[in-house]
Amino acid sequence: MKLLYKPLSLAVSALGGVLAGMLFKQAWKAATGEDDAPEATSSDYSTKEVLLAAVLQGAIFGGVKAAVDRAGAKAFTKATGKKLD
């Protein structure tokens, strides 16, 4: 059964990545009023701005990944009656 979970998990993770990207873009725009976050190599932004963007992006992606993984594991357990432990 765990073998069945792997492909499903990959698909759900990809969708979670798309969702996280959209959430980050909205959060950055709300925080700064700018559409795009700075690239690490961009000389148009200060180091502080680049690091803030990276930390915010990492926090959002980490939170979304944990939520998606957790929801997928719970759904798998509910559907199959088997735990992923």
Protein backbone atom coordinates (compact mmCIF):
# COMPACT_ATOMS: atom_id res chain seq x y z
CA MET A 1 0.00 0.00 0.00
CA LYS A 2 2.84 2.42 0.76
CA LEU A 3 4.01 1.94 -2.82
CA LEU A 4 0.68 3.35 -3.98
CA TYR A 5 1.15 6.39 -1.74
CA LYS A 6 4.42 7.53 -3.41
CA PRO A 7 3.02 8.62 -6.83
CA LEU A 8 0.01 10.22 -5.17
CA SER A 9 2.29 12.04 -2.76
CA LEU A 10 4.43 13.41 -5.61
CA ALA A 11 1.40 14.78 -7.44
CA VAL A 12 -0.02 16.39 -4.32
CA SER A 13 3.39 17.86 -3.46
CA ALA A 14 3.62 19.47 -6.91
CA LEU A 15 0.23 21.09 -6.40
CA GLY A 16 1.36 22.23 -2.97
CA GLY A 17 4.41 23.88 -4.56
CA VAL A 18 2.18 25.80 -6.95
CA LEU A 19 -0.05 26.88 -4.07
CA ALA A 20 2.95 27.95 -1.99
CA GLY A 21 4.29 30.00 -4.89
CA MET A 22 0.96 31.81 -5.24
CA LEU A 23 0.77 32.46 -1.50
CA PHE A 24 4.31 33.81 -1.41
CA LYS A 25 3.63 36.13 -4.34
CA GLN A 26 0.52 37.50 -2.59
CA ALA A 27 2.33 37.87 0.74
CA TRP A 28 5.25 39.70 -0.88
CA LYS A 29 2.93 42.05 -2.74
CA ALA A 30 0.96 42.77 0.45
CA ALA A 31 4.14 43.43 2.41
CA THR A 32 5.97 45.55 -0.16
CA GLY A 33 3.51 46.60 -2.86
CA GLU A 34 5.83 45.07 -5.48
CA ASP A 35 4.75 42.28 -7.81
CA ASP A 36 8.03 40.36 -7.76
CA ALA A 37 10.38 39.43 -4.94
CA PRO A 38 14.07 40.24 -5.38
CA GLU A 39 16.45 37.70 -6.83
CA ALA A 40 19.49 36.93 -4.70
CA THR A 41 21.79 38.28 -7.42
CA SER A 42 19.84 41.49 -8.06
CA SER A 43 21.81 44.64 -7.28
CA ASP A 44 18.59 46.67 -7.19
CA TYR A 45 17.80 45.42 -3.68
CA SER A 46 19.62 45.52 -0.38
CA THR A 47 20.90 42.37 1.28
CA LYS A 48 18.26 42.86 3.96
CA GLU A 49 15.46 42.84 1.36
CA VAL A 50 16.84 39.76 -0.38
CA LEU A 51 17.18 37.85 2.90
CA LEU A 52 13.72 38.89 4.06
CA ALA A 53 12.24 37.59 0.81
CA ALA A 54 14.12 34.30 1.17
CA VAL A 55 13.03 33.80 4.78
CA LEU A 56 9.39 34.58 3.97
CA GLN A 57 9.46 32.27 0.98
CA GLY A 58 11.03 29.45 2.99
CA ALA A 59 8.51 29.80 5.80
CA ILE A 60 5.57 29.72 3.41
CA PHE A 61 6.91 26.78 1.42
CA GLY A 62 7.75 24.86 4.61
CA GLY A 63 4.31 25.46 6.09
CA VAL A 64 2.48 24.50 2.91
CA LYS A 65 4.62 21.36 2.50
CA ALA A 66 3.89 20.23 6.05
CA ALA A 67 0.16 20.90 5.62
CA VAL A 68 0.00 19.07 2.28
CA ASP A 69 2.05 16.10 3.53
CA ARG A 70 -0.05 15.83 6.66
CA ALA A 71 -3.34 16.03 4.75
CA GLY A 72 -2.13 13.41 2.27
CA ALA A 73 -1.08 11.01 5.02
CA LYS A 74 -4.40 11.42 6.83
CA ALA A 75 -6.37 10.91 3.61
CA PHE A 76 -4.34 7.78 2.77
CA THR A 77 -4.91 6.36 6.24
CA LYS A 78 -8.62 7.09 6.07
CA ALA A 79 -8.97 5.57 2.59
CA THR A 80 -6.92 2.43 3.24
CA GLY A 81 -7.06 1.97 7.00
CA LYS A 82 -3.25 1.66 7.01
CA LYS A 83 -0.84 4.06 8.69
CA LEU A 84 2.27 5.28 6.90
CA ASP A 85 4.55 4.92 9.95
